[in-house]
Amino acid sequence: MLLNDYMNENFPNLYLRPPLFYSWEIGIRFELGVEWNSEYHYENSPYVQGVYKRAVTLFESLHSQDEEIFVVVDVNDFGDGKTYKHKARIFSPYIYKKSILYKLKHTEMPYIFPEDDEDGKYKTHRFTLECKVSDIKYQAC
């Protein structure tokens, strides 16, 4: 199934762009963070480790390992020559079997924030991968 078909069938009139939480009439918000202590080095702090653990717990509670999902990554092109052209590199570190990457789709579309693109020069590259949860390396090794 294509992403657009899935979205039209299940979430009509929902446009994928941040902040997605506010773009749909129903939403559930989870607080992933806890009190921050500035003494800790950010990357390895108990705060970040706690956020990571809660995010993984939520993901695993919502999805079974054999469930089909869409992973969507938007890369914005501001016409400055810094466009990311190697689409497989976005996903390959997070996929167990590289053959899954043959299912990766690329769509070039108008910039997802048209109100910030008066001249119409910006573009968004949407990369979509339909796969099973078990295909994804979502936990740090």
Protein backbone atom coordinates (compact mmCIF):
# COMPACT_ATOMS: atom_id res chain seq x y z
CA MET A 1 0.00 0.00 0.00
CA LEU A 2 1.23 3.51 -0.73
CA LEU A 3 1.56 6.06 2.05
CA ASN A 4 -0.91 8.47 0.42
CA ASP A 5 -3.53 5.71 0.08
CA TYR A 6 -3.05 4.72 3.72
CA MET A 7 -3.31 8.32 4.91
CA ASN A 8 -6.41 9.06 2.81
CA GLU A 9 -8.13 5.91 4.05
CA ASN A 10 -7.26 6.26 7.74
CA PHE A 11 -6.58 9.97 8.27
CA PRO A 12 -8.43 11.96 5.59
CA ASN A 13 -7.37 15.61 5.37
CA LEU A 14 -4.34 15.11 7.64
CA TYR A 15 -1.20 16.60 6.13
CA LEU A 16 2.07 15.11 7.40
CA ARG A 17 4.11 18.00 8.78
CA PRO A 18 5.21 19.14 12.20
CA PRO A 19 3.70 19.65 14.69
CA LEU A 20 1.61 16.62 13.80
CA PHE A 21 0.04 16.41 17.26
CA TYR A 22 -1.91 19.63 16.66
CA SER A 23 -3.00 18.72 13.13
CA TRP A 24 -5.59 16.10 14.03
CA GLU A 25 -8.72 16.37 16.14
CA ILE A 26 -7.69 13.50 18.44
CA GLY A 27 -4.31 13.18 20.08
CA ILE A 28 -2.67 11.55 23.06
CA ARG A 29 0.30 13.31 24.57
CA PHE A 30 2.95 11.46 26.58
CA GLU A 31 5.51 13.20 28.73
CA LEU A 32 8.78 11.46 27.93
CA GLY A 33 11.07 13.72 29.93
CA VAL A 34 11.40 14.20 33.64
CA GLU A 35 13.09 16.89 35.68
CA TRP A 36 16.30 18.04 34.00
CA ASN A 37 19.54 18.43 35.97
CA SER A 38 22.05 20.62 34.12
CA GLU A 39 25.01 18.93 35.87
CA TYR A 40 24.78 15.95 33.53
CA HIS A 41 26.47 15.75 30.17
CA TYR A 42 23.47 15.87 27.85
CA GLU A 43 24.01 12.81 25.63
CA ASN A 44 24.62 10.27 28.39
CA SER A 45 22.57 11.88 31.12
CA PRO A 46 19.97 9.97 33.14
CA TYR A 47 17.44 12.40 31.64
CA VAL A 48 18.18 11.36 28.05
CA GLN A 49 18.41 7.69 29.00
CA GLY A 50 14.99 7.95 30.69
CA VAL A 51 13.46 9.63 27.62
CA TYR A 52 14.89 6.89 25.41
CA LYS A 53 13.58 4.10 27.66
CA ARG A 54 10.07 5.59 27.81
CA ALA A 55 9.97 6.16 24.02
CA VAL A 56 10.99 2.54 23.31
CA THR A 57 8.45 1.26 25.85
CA LEU A 58 5.67 3.24 24.15
CA PHE A 59 6.73 2.06 20.68
CA GLU A 60 6.77 -1.58 21.78
CA SER A 61 3.41 -1.21 23.53
CA LEU A 62 1.82 0.13 20.35
CA HIS A 63 3.38 -2.16 17.74
CA SER A 64 3.86 -5.92 17.47
CA GLN A 65 7.03 -7.21 15.82
CA ASP A 66 5.16 -8.54 12.77
CA GLU A 67 3.13 -5.35 12.22
CA GLU A 68 3.53 -3.44 8.95
CA ILE A 69 4.39 0.23 9.43
CA PHE A 70 5.47 3.23 7.38
CA VAL A 71 8.66 5.04 8.33
CA VAL A 72 8.61 8.55 6.87
CA VAL A 73 11.56 10.96 6.74
CA ASP A 74 11.29 14.45 5.25
CA VAL A 75 14.46 16.21 4.08
CA ASN A 76 14.09 19.87 3.21
CA ASP A 77 15.93 21.37 0.24
CA PHE A 78 16.50 25.10 0.56
CA GLY A 79 18.12 25.44 -2.86
CA ASP A 80 21.57 25.97 -1.34
CA GLY A 81 23.18 22.89 -2.92
CA LYS A 82 23.10 20.93 0.35
CA THR A 83 20.35 18.49 -0.63
CA TYR A 84 20.79 15.00 0.72
CA LYS A 85 21.04 12.77 -2.37
CA HIS A 86 21.87 9.38 -0.87
CA LYS A 87 18.46 8.21 0.25
CA ALA A 88 19.53 4.72 1.32
CA ARG A 89 22.02 6.19 3.80
CA ILE A 90 19.16 7.76 5.74
CA PHE A 91 17.69 4.34 6.49
CA SER A 92 20.45 1.74 6.13
CA PRO A 93 21.92 2.05 9.65
CA TYR A 94 18.48 1.27 11.06
CA ILE A 95 17.48 -1.72 8.91
CA TYR A 96 18.53 -5.31 9.61
CA LYS A 97 18.26 -6.72 6.08
CA LYS A 98 19.49 -4.40 3.36
CA SER A 99 17.10 -6.01 0.83
CA ILE A 100 14.27 -4.16 2.62
CA LEU A 101 15.76 -0.92 1.28
CA TYR A 102 14.55 -1.85 -2.24
CA LYS A 103 11.09 -0.88 -0.99
CA LEU A 104 12.25 2.66 -0.17
CA LYS A 105 10.23 5.31 -2.02
CA HIS A 106 11.25 8.90 -2.76
CA THR A 107 8.89 11.75 -3.56
CA GLU A 108 9.91 15.33 -4.29
CA MET A 109 7.16 17.77 -3.34
CA PRO A 110 6.64 21.44 -2.57
CA TYR A 111 8.12 22.60 0.72
CA ILE A 112 5.98 21.38 3.64
CA PHE A 113 5.82 24.93 5.06
CA PRO A 114 4.60 26.95 2.05
CA GLU A 115 4.02 29.98 4.28
CA ASP A 116 7.81 30.15 4.75
CA ASP A 117 8.59 29.86 1.03
CA GLU A 118 7.32 33.01 -0.65
CA ASP A 119 9.40 32.46 -3.79
CA GLY A 120 8.46 28.79 -4.14
CA LYS A 121 12.12 27.74 -4.36
CA TYR A 122 12.21 25.25 -1.49
CA LYS A 123 11.31 21.59 -1.82
CA THR A 124 10.77 18.68 0.52
CA HIS A 125 12.08 15.20 -0.27
CA ARG A 126 9.92 12.57 1.40
CA PHE A 127 11.45 9.14 1.91
CA THR A 128 8.98 6.39 2.81
CA LEU A 129 9.72 2.82 3.79
CA GLU A 130 6.95 0.29 4.34
CA CYS A 131 8.30 -2.54 6.45
CA LYS A 132 7.69 -4.64 9.53
CA VAL A 133 8.63 -3.47 13.00
CA SER A 134 11.03 -6.45 13.19
CA ASP A 135 12.95 -5.02 10.19
CA ILE A 136 13.95 -1.90 12.11
CA LYS A 137 16.84 -1.41 14.52
CA TYR A 138 15.04 1.01 16.80
CA GLN A 139 17.01 0.18 19.94
CA ALA A 140 20.57 1.30 20.50
CA CYS A 141 23.08 -1.55 20.59
